[in-house]
Amino acid sequence: MEPSSLGLKPGEQYTRRQLLFGLLLKSANDVAMALARDNAGSVSAFAEKMNLRAAQLGATSSHFANPHGLHDPNHYTTAHDLVLIGRAAMQQPLFREIVSTVYYTWRAPSGQINQLRNHNRLLRHFAGCNGLKTGYTRIAQQVLVSSALRGGHEVVSVVLHTDKPGIWMIARHCLATDLSKLGCPAEAIVDTTDRTEEPASSDEGH
């Protein structure tokens, strides 16, 4: 099923930090809508802010119509623009922390607990991977913006409109190639064993 959500209910209260973990690990569309309204007052106003910021970053071949990325004829971007946006996002410490997190414990006000697992498999299987974000719609197919940091060099890869196995293979190849060009030793660009970090707490403030 294309839409993803965490089942937010009217009247429930969450910290923005919780919601950002839910957005970036679960790709929860209801969380995206809640954060957009919280930030700008309405979804359309938030989309305007997205477009303004994208233009400031030089992402001039993009136009955003919503905060979650579900299909809209007026919602589009390019690989080049996603690299620009991804690099800018990685300048934010909280964003870097969240997109590199493998597991997060989501606690709803009702007491229900869900263990969120980051959809980005490269965090567990590519040495140095530290983000960024997966995406999927039936029309866009599989999408992955990924990043890796090795030997002081950080690279960003974008793979668009591919199948599930292809997204990981292509992204790994792009990251490894770019790291190699930057002088990262070949032995450092290897698969890692499955990471088993302790789940992050959801009890922290904004």
C-alpha atoms as a PDB file:
ATOM      1  CA  MET A   1       0.000   0.000   0.000  1.00  0.00           C
ATOM      2  CA  GLU A   2       1.527   3.294  -1.084  1.00  0.00           C
ATOM      3  CA  PRO A   3       0.587   5.685   1.751  1.00  0.00           C
ATOM      4  CA  SER A   4       2.546   5.120   4.977  1.00  0.00           C
ATOM      5  CA  SER A   5       1.477   6.472   8.375  1.00  0.00           C
ATOM      6  CA  LEU A   6       1.956   6.200  12.129  1.00  0.00           C
ATOM      7  CA  GLY A   7      -1.732   6.618  12.870  1.00  0.00           C
ATOM      8  CA  LEU A   8      -1.655  10.049  14.473  1.00  0.00           C
ATOM      9  CA  LYS A   9      -4.940  10.923  16.169  1.00  0.00           C
ATOM     10  CA  PRO A  10      -6.501  14.344  16.873  1.00  0.00           C
ATOM     11  CA  GLY A  11      -5.506  15.692  20.273  1.00  0.00           C
ATOM     12  CA  GLU A  12      -2.366  13.589  20.636  1.00  0.00           C
ATOM     13  CA  GLN A  13       0.796  15.467  21.541  1.00  0.00           C
ATOM     14  CA  TYR A  14       4.308  14.677  20.332  1.00  0.00           C
ATOM     15  CA  THR A  15       7.584  16.555  20.378  1.00  0.00           C
ATOM     16  CA  ARG A  16       8.886  17.792  17.049  1.00  0.00           C
ATOM     17  CA  ARG A  17      11.901  15.570  17.583  1.00  0.00           C
ATOM     18  CA  GLN A  18       9.673  12.495  17.814  1.00  0.00           C
ATOM     19  CA  LEU A  19       7.814  13.518  14.678  1.00  0.00           C
ATOM     20  CA  LEU A  20      11.044  14.036  12.739  1.00  0.00           C
ATOM     21  CA  PHE A  21      12.167  10.504  13.619  1.00  0.00           C
ATOM     22  CA  GLY A  22       8.770   9.200  12.503  1.00  0.00           C
ATOM     23  CA  LEU A  23       9.004  11.150   9.272  1.00  0.00           C
ATOM     24  CA  LEU A  24      12.546  10.206   8.301  1.00  0.00           C
ATOM     25  CA  LEU A  25      12.588   6.564   9.432  1.00  0.00           C
ATOM     26  CA  LYS A  26       8.992   5.493   8.766  1.00  0.00           C
ATOM     27  CA  SER A  27       8.218   7.894   5.868  1.00  0.00           C
ATOM     28  CA  ALA A  28       4.938   8.571   7.655  1.00  0.00           C
ATOM     29  CA  ASN A  29       2.753  10.812   5.517  1.00  0.00           C
ATOM     30  CA  ASP A  30       0.480  11.827   8.391  1.00  0.00           C
ATOM     31  CA  VAL A  31       3.568  13.022  10.263  1.00  0.00           C
ATOM     32  CA  ALA A  32       4.694  15.013   7.217  1.00  0.00           C
ATOM     33  CA  MET A  33       1.333  16.767   7.087  1.00  0.00           C
ATOM     34  CA  ALA A  34       1.386  17.517  10.832  1.00  0.00           C
ATOM     35  CA  LEU A  35       4.902  18.967  10.681  1.00  0.00           C
ATOM     36  CA  ALA A  36       4.029  21.064   7.637  1.00  0.00           C
ATOM     37  CA  ARG A  37       1.021  22.611   9.371  1.00  0.00           C
ATOM     38  CA  ASP A  38       3.027  23.160  12.541  1.00  0.00           C
ATOM     39  CA  ASN A  39       5.789  24.936  10.627  1.00  0.00           C
ATOM     40  CA  ALA A  40       3.834  27.043   8.169  1.00  0.00           C
ATOM     41  CA  GLY A  41       0.189  26.968   9.199  1.00  0.00           C
ATOM     42  CA  SER A  42      -0.977  24.976   6.168  1.00  0.00           C
ATOM     43  CA  VAL A  43       0.286  22.397   3.712  1.00  0.00           C
ATOM     44  CA  SER A  44       0.188  24.859   0.810  1.00  0.00           C
ATOM     45  CA  ALA A  45       2.138  27.465   2.786  1.00  0.00           C
ATOM     46  CA  PHE A  46       4.747  24.857   3.664  1.00  0.00           C
ATOM     47  CA  ALA A  47       5.082  23.867   0.000  1.00  0.00           C
ATOM     48  CA  GLU A  48       5.759  27.512  -0.805  1.00  0.00           C
ATOM     49  CA  LYS A  49       8.520  27.530   1.807  1.00  0.00           C
ATOM     50  CA  MET A  50       9.964  24.348   0.309  1.00  0.00           C
ATOM     51  CA  ASN A  51      10.095  25.919  -3.133  1.00  0.00           C
ATOM     52  CA  LEU A  52      11.692  29.090  -1.814  1.00  0.00           C
ATOM     53  CA  ARG A  53      14.395  27.172   0.016  1.00  0.00           C
ATOM     54  CA  ALA A  54      15.031  24.923  -2.991  1.00  0.00           C
ATOM     55  CA  ALA A  55      15.537  27.996  -5.177  1.00  0.00           C
ATOM     56  CA  GLN A  56      17.965  29.442  -2.628  1.00  0.00           C
ATOM     57  CA  LEU A  57      19.997  26.223  -2.847  1.00  0.00           C
ATOM     58  CA  GLY A  58      20.090  26.355  -6.647  1.00  0.00           C
ATOM     59  CA  ALA A  59      17.601  23.497  -7.049  1.00  0.00           C
ATOM     60  CA  THR A  60      15.841  25.315  -9.860  1.00  0.00           C
ATOM     61  CA  SER A  61      14.536  22.250 -11.714  1.00  0.00           C
ATOM     62  CA  SER A  62      12.288  21.225  -8.831  1.00  0.00           C
ATOM     63  CA  HIS A  63       8.799  22.173  -7.719  1.00  0.00           C
ATOM     64  CA  PHE A  64       7.135  20.857  -4.578  1.00  0.00           C
ATOM     65  CA  ALA A  65       3.387  20.632  -3.988  1.00  0.00           C
ATOM     66  CA  ASN A  66       3.253  18.702  -0.710  1.00  0.00           C
ATOM     67  CA  PRO A  67       5.489  17.655   2.216  1.00  0.00           C
ATOM     68  CA  HIS A  68       5.291  13.873   1.721  1.00  0.00           C
ATOM     69  CA  GLY A  69       6.124  13.343  -1.955  1.00  0.00           C
ATOM     70  CA  LEU A  70       3.024  11.432  -3.016  1.00  0.00           C
ATOM     71  CA  HIS A  71       2.265  11.906  -6.693  1.00  0.00           C
ATOM     72  CA  ASP A  72       1.141  15.308  -7.897  1.00  0.00           C
ATOM     73  CA  PRO A  73       1.725  16.599 -11.454  1.00  0.00           C
ATOM     74  CA  ASN A  74       3.164  19.786  -9.957  1.00  0.00           C
ATOM     75  CA  HIS A  75       5.562  17.928  -7.670  1.00  0.00           C
ATOM     76  CA  TYR A  76       8.870  17.011  -9.324  1.00  0.00           C
ATOM     77  CA  THR A  77      12.634  17.163  -8.950  1.00  0.00           C
ATOM     78  CA  THR A  78      15.908  15.945 -10.471  1.00  0.00           C
ATOM     79  CA  ALA A  79      18.905  13.938  -9.269  1.00  0.00           C
ATOM     80  CA  HIS A  80      21.064  17.086  -9.392  1.00  0.00           C
ATOM     81  CA  ASP A  81      18.624  19.054  -7.268  1.00  0.00           C
ATOM     82  CA  LEU A  82      18.324  16.246  -4.727  1.00  0.00           C
ATOM     83  CA  VAL A  83      22.102  16.247  -4.300  1.00  0.00           C
ATOM     84  CA  LEU A  84      21.990  19.980  -3.571  1.00  0.00           C
ATOM     85  CA  ILE A  85      19.139  19.549  -1.105  1.00  0.00           C
ATOM     86  CA  GLY A  86      20.738  16.505   0.500  1.00  0.00           C
ATOM     87  CA  ARG A  87      24.042  18.276   1.049  1.00  0.00           C
ATOM     88  CA  ALA A  88      22.279  21.240   2.633  1.00  0.00           C
ATOM     89  CA  ALA A  89      20.207  18.988   4.894  1.00  0.00           C
ATOM     90  CA  MET A  90      23.345  17.227   6.111  1.00  0.00           C
ATOM     91  CA  GLN A  91      24.583  20.551   7.442  1.00  0.00           C
ATOM     92  CA  GLN A  92      21.936  20.244  10.178  1.00  0.00           C
ATOM     93  CA  PRO A  93      23.189  18.184  13.163  1.00  0.00           C
ATOM     94  CA  LEU A  94      19.756  16.860  14.139  1.00  0.00           C
ATOM     95  CA  PHE A  95      19.012  15.797  10.579  1.00  0.00           C
ATOM     96  CA  ARG A  96      22.385  13.986  10.394  1.00  0.00           C
ATOM     97  CA  GLU A  97      21.616  12.208  13.645  1.00  0.00           C
ATOM     98  CA  ILE A  98      18.184  11.054  12.549  1.00  0.00           C
ATOM     99  CA  VAL A  99      19.051   9.826   9.047  1.00  0.00           C
ATOM    100  CA  SER A 100      21.967   7.788  10.419  1.00  0.00           C
ATOM    101  CA  THR A 101      19.785   6.134  13.081  1.00  0.00           C
ATOM    102  CA  VAL A 102      18.930   2.491  12.358  1.00  0.00           C
ATOM    103  CA  TYR A 103      16.303   1.884  15.061  1.00  0.00           C
ATOM    104  CA  TYR A 104      13.990   4.199  16.985  1.00  0.00           C
ATOM    105  CA  THR A 105      11.370   3.424  19.624  1.00  0.00           C
ATOM    106  CA  TRP A 106       8.134   5.259  18.821  1.00  0.00           C
ATOM    107  CA  ARG A 107       5.879   5.757  21.852  1.00  0.00           C
ATOM    108  CA  ALA A 108       2.347   6.971  21.205  1.00  0.00           C
ATOM    109  CA  PRO A 109       0.393   8.804  23.943  1.00  0.00           C
ATOM    110  CA  SER A 110      -1.897   5.760  24.131  1.00  0.00           C
ATOM    111  CA  GLY A 111       1.051   3.710  25.382  1.00  0.00           C
ATOM    112  CA  GLN A 112       1.459   1.793  22.130  1.00  0.00           C
ATOM    113  CA  ILE A 113       5.110   1.194  21.255  1.00  0.00           C
ATOM    114  CA  ASN A 114       6.417   0.639  17.732  1.00  0.00           C
ATOM    115  CA  GLN A 115       9.991  -0.160  16.827  1.00  0.00           C
ATOM    116  CA  LEU A 116      10.870   1.865  13.748  1.00  0.00           C
ATOM    117  CA  ARG A 117      13.627   0.587  11.500  1.00  0.00           C
ATOM    118  CA  ASN A 118      15.286   2.852   8.969  1.00  0.00           C
ATOM    119  CA  HIS A 119      14.402   1.757   5.421  1.00  0.00           C
ATOM    120  CA  ASN A 120      17.918   2.618   4.228  1.00  0.00           C
ATOM    121  CA  ARG A 121      19.668  -0.761   4.103  1.00  0.00           C
ATOM    122  CA  LEU A 122      22.993   0.841   3.263  1.00  0.00           C
ATOM    123  CA  LEU A 123      23.252   2.042   6.864  1.00  0.00           C
ATOM    124  CA  ARG A 124      23.746  -1.617   7.801  1.00  0.00           C
ATOM    125  CA  HIS A 125      25.578  -2.882   4.758  1.00  0.00           C
ATOM    126  CA  PHE A 126      27.867  -0.168   3.395  1.00  0.00           C
ATOM    127  CA  ALA A 127      30.889   1.021   5.351  1.00  0.00           C
ATOM    128  CA  GLY A 128      30.569   4.683   6.262  1.00  0.00           C
ATOM    129  CA  CYS A 129      26.972   5.152   5.129  1.00  0.00           C
ATOM    130  CA  ASN A 130      25.417   7.907   7.244  1.00  0.00           C
ATOM    131  CA  GLY A 131      22.109   8.683   5.465  1.00  0.00           C
ATOM    132  CA  LEU A 132      19.957   9.809   3.768  1.00  0.00           C
ATOM    133  CA  LYS A 133      16.406   8.877   2.643  1.00  0.00           C
ATOM    134  CA  THR A 134      14.447   6.292   0.690  1.00  0.00           C
ATOM    135  CA  GLY A 135      11.245   6.960  -1.210  1.00  0.00           C
ATOM    136  CA  TYR A 136       8.595   5.146  -3.228  1.00  0.00           C
ATOM    137  CA  THR A 137       5.448   5.810  -5.187  1.00  0.00           C
ATOM    138  CA  ARG A 138       3.938   3.679  -7.920  1.00  0.00           C
ATOM    139  CA  ILE A 139       4.828   6.291 -10.518  1.00  0.00           C
ATOM    140  CA  ALA A 140       8.277   7.316  -9.251  1.00  0.00           C
ATOM    141  CA  GLN A 141       9.192   3.729  -8.297  1.00  0.00           C
ATOM    142  CA  GLN A 142      12.125   3.230  -5.909  1.00  0.00           C
ATOM    143  CA  VAL A 143      14.136   6.348  -5.043  1.00  0.00           C
ATOM    144  CA  LEU A 144      17.197   6.627  -2.811  1.00  0.00           C
ATOM    145  CA  VAL A 145      19.344   9.556  -1.760  1.00  0.00           C
ATOM    146  CA  SER A 146      22.308   8.074   0.116  1.00  0.00           C
ATOM    147  CA  SER A 147      25.471   9.434   1.663  1.00  0.00           C
ATOM    148  CA  ALA A 148      28.713   8.045   3.039  1.00  0.00           C
ATOM    149  CA  LEU A 149      31.602   9.472   5.024  1.00  0.00           C
ATOM    150  CA  ARG A 150      35.022   7.816   4.833  1.00  0.00           C
ATOM    151  CA  GLY A 151      38.473   9.224   5.469  1.00  0.00           C
ATOM    152  CA  GLY A 152      37.124  12.742   5.916  1.00  0.00           C
ATOM    153  CA  HIS A 153      35.354  12.658   2.555  1.00  0.00           C
ATOM    154  CA  GLU A 154      31.566  12.732   2.291  1.00  0.00           C
ATOM    155  CA  VAL A 155      29.698  11.867  -0.896  1.00  0.00           C
ATOM    156  CA  VAL A 156      26.028  11.883  -1.880  1.00  0.00           C
ATOM    157  CA  SER A 157      24.377   9.584  -4.412  1.00  0.00           C
ATOM    158  CA  VAL A 158      20.911   9.801  -5.969  1.00  0.00           C
ATOM    159  CA  VAL A 159      19.158   6.875  -7.661  1.00  0.00           C
ATOM    160  CA  LEU A 160      15.752   7.476  -9.246  1.00  0.00           C
ATOM    161  CA  HIS A 161      13.022   5.296 -10.778  1.00  0.00           C
ATOM    162  CA  THR A 162      14.469   1.836 -10.316  1.00  0.00           C
ATOM    163  CA  ASP A 163      13.478  -1.516  -8.827  1.00  0.00           C
ATOM    164  CA  LYS A 164      14.065  -2.668  -5.259  1.00  0.00           C
ATOM    165  CA  PRO A 165      17.248  -4.740  -5.789  1.00  0.00           C
ATOM    166  CA  GLY A 166      18.652  -2.222  -8.255  1.00  0.00           C
ATOM    167  CA  ILE A 167      18.383   0.690  -5.881  1.00  0.00           C
ATOM    168  CA  TRP A 168      20.893  -0.813  -3.442  1.00  0.00           C
ATOM    169  CA  MET A 169      23.339  -2.105  -6.053  1.00  0.00           C
ATOM    170  CA  ILE A 170      23.432   1.145  -8.020  1.00  0.00           C
ATOM    171  CA  ALA A 171      23.744   3.326  -4.908  1.00  0.00           C
ATOM    172  CA  ARG A 172      26.579   1.206  -3.506  1.00  0.00           C
ATOM    173  CA  HIS A 173      28.406   1.399  -6.808  1.00  0.00           C
ATOM    174  CA  CYS A 174      27.990   5.192  -6.996  1.00  0.00           C
ATOM    175  CA  LEU A 175      29.147   5.754  -3.426  1.00  0.00           C
ATOM    176  CA  ALA A 176      32.134   3.421  -3.769  1.00  0.00           C
ATOM    177  CA  THR A 177      33.175   4.992  -7.070  1.00  0.00           C
ATOM    178  CA  ASP A 178      32.997   8.537  -5.707  1.00  0.00           C
ATOM    179  CA  LEU A 179      34.882   7.629  -2.524  1.00  0.00           C
ATOM    180  CA  SER A 180      37.565   5.927  -4.562  1.00  0.00           C
ATOM    181  CA  LYS A 181      37.982   9.015  -6.759  1.00  0.00           C
ATOM    182  CA  LEU A 182      38.455  11.096  -3.610  1.00  0.00           C
ATOM    183  CA  GLY A 183      41.295   8.863  -2.449  1.00  0.00           C
ATOM    184  CA  CYS A 184      39.497   6.721   0.092  1.00  0.00           C
ATOM    185  CA  PRO A 185      41.416   3.402   0.409  1.00  0.00           C
ATOM    186  CA  ALA A 186      39.729   0.539  -1.387  1.00  0.00           C
ATOM    187  CA  GLU A 187      39.829  -1.640   1.721  1.00  0.00           C
ATOM    188  CA  ALA A 188      37.690   0.923   3.549  1.00  0.00           C
ATOM    189  CA  ILE A 189      34.917   0.690   0.957  1.00  0.00           C
ATOM    190  CA  VAL A 190      33.477  -2.677   1.902  1.00  0.00           C
ATOM    191  CA  ASP A 191      30.234  -4.154   3.113  1.00  0.00           C
ATOM    192  CA  THR A 192      29.745  -4.152   6.871  1.00  0.00           C
ATOM    193  CA  THR A 193      28.077  -6.701   9.086  1.00  0.00           C
ATOM    194  CA  ASP A 194      24.514  -6.010  10.110  1.00  0.00           C
ATOM    195  CA  ARG A 195      24.506  -3.161  12.611  1.00  0.00           C
ATOM    196  CA  THR A 196      22.708  -3.797  15.891  1.00  0.00           C
ATOM    197  CA  GLU A 197      22.651  -0.437  17.615  1.00  0.00           C
ATOM    198  CA  GLU A 198      20.447  -0.031  20.653  1.00  0.00           C
ATOM    199  CA  PRO A 199      17.152   1.633  19.763  1.00  0.00           C
ATOM    200  CA  ALA A 200      17.150   5.380  20.283  1.00  0.00           C
ATOM    201  CA  SER A 201      14.865   6.794  22.958  1.00  0.00           C
ATOM    202  CA  SER A 202      11.719   8.664  21.960  1.00  0.00           C
ATOM    203  CA  ASP A 203      11.443  10.522  25.257  1.00  0.00           C
ATOM    204  CA  GLU A 204      13.671  13.467  24.397  1.00  0.00           C
ATOM    205  CA  GLY A 205      12.371  16.999  23.974  1.00  0.00           C
ATOM    206  CA  HIS A 206      12.132  19.254  20.949  1.00  0.00           C
END
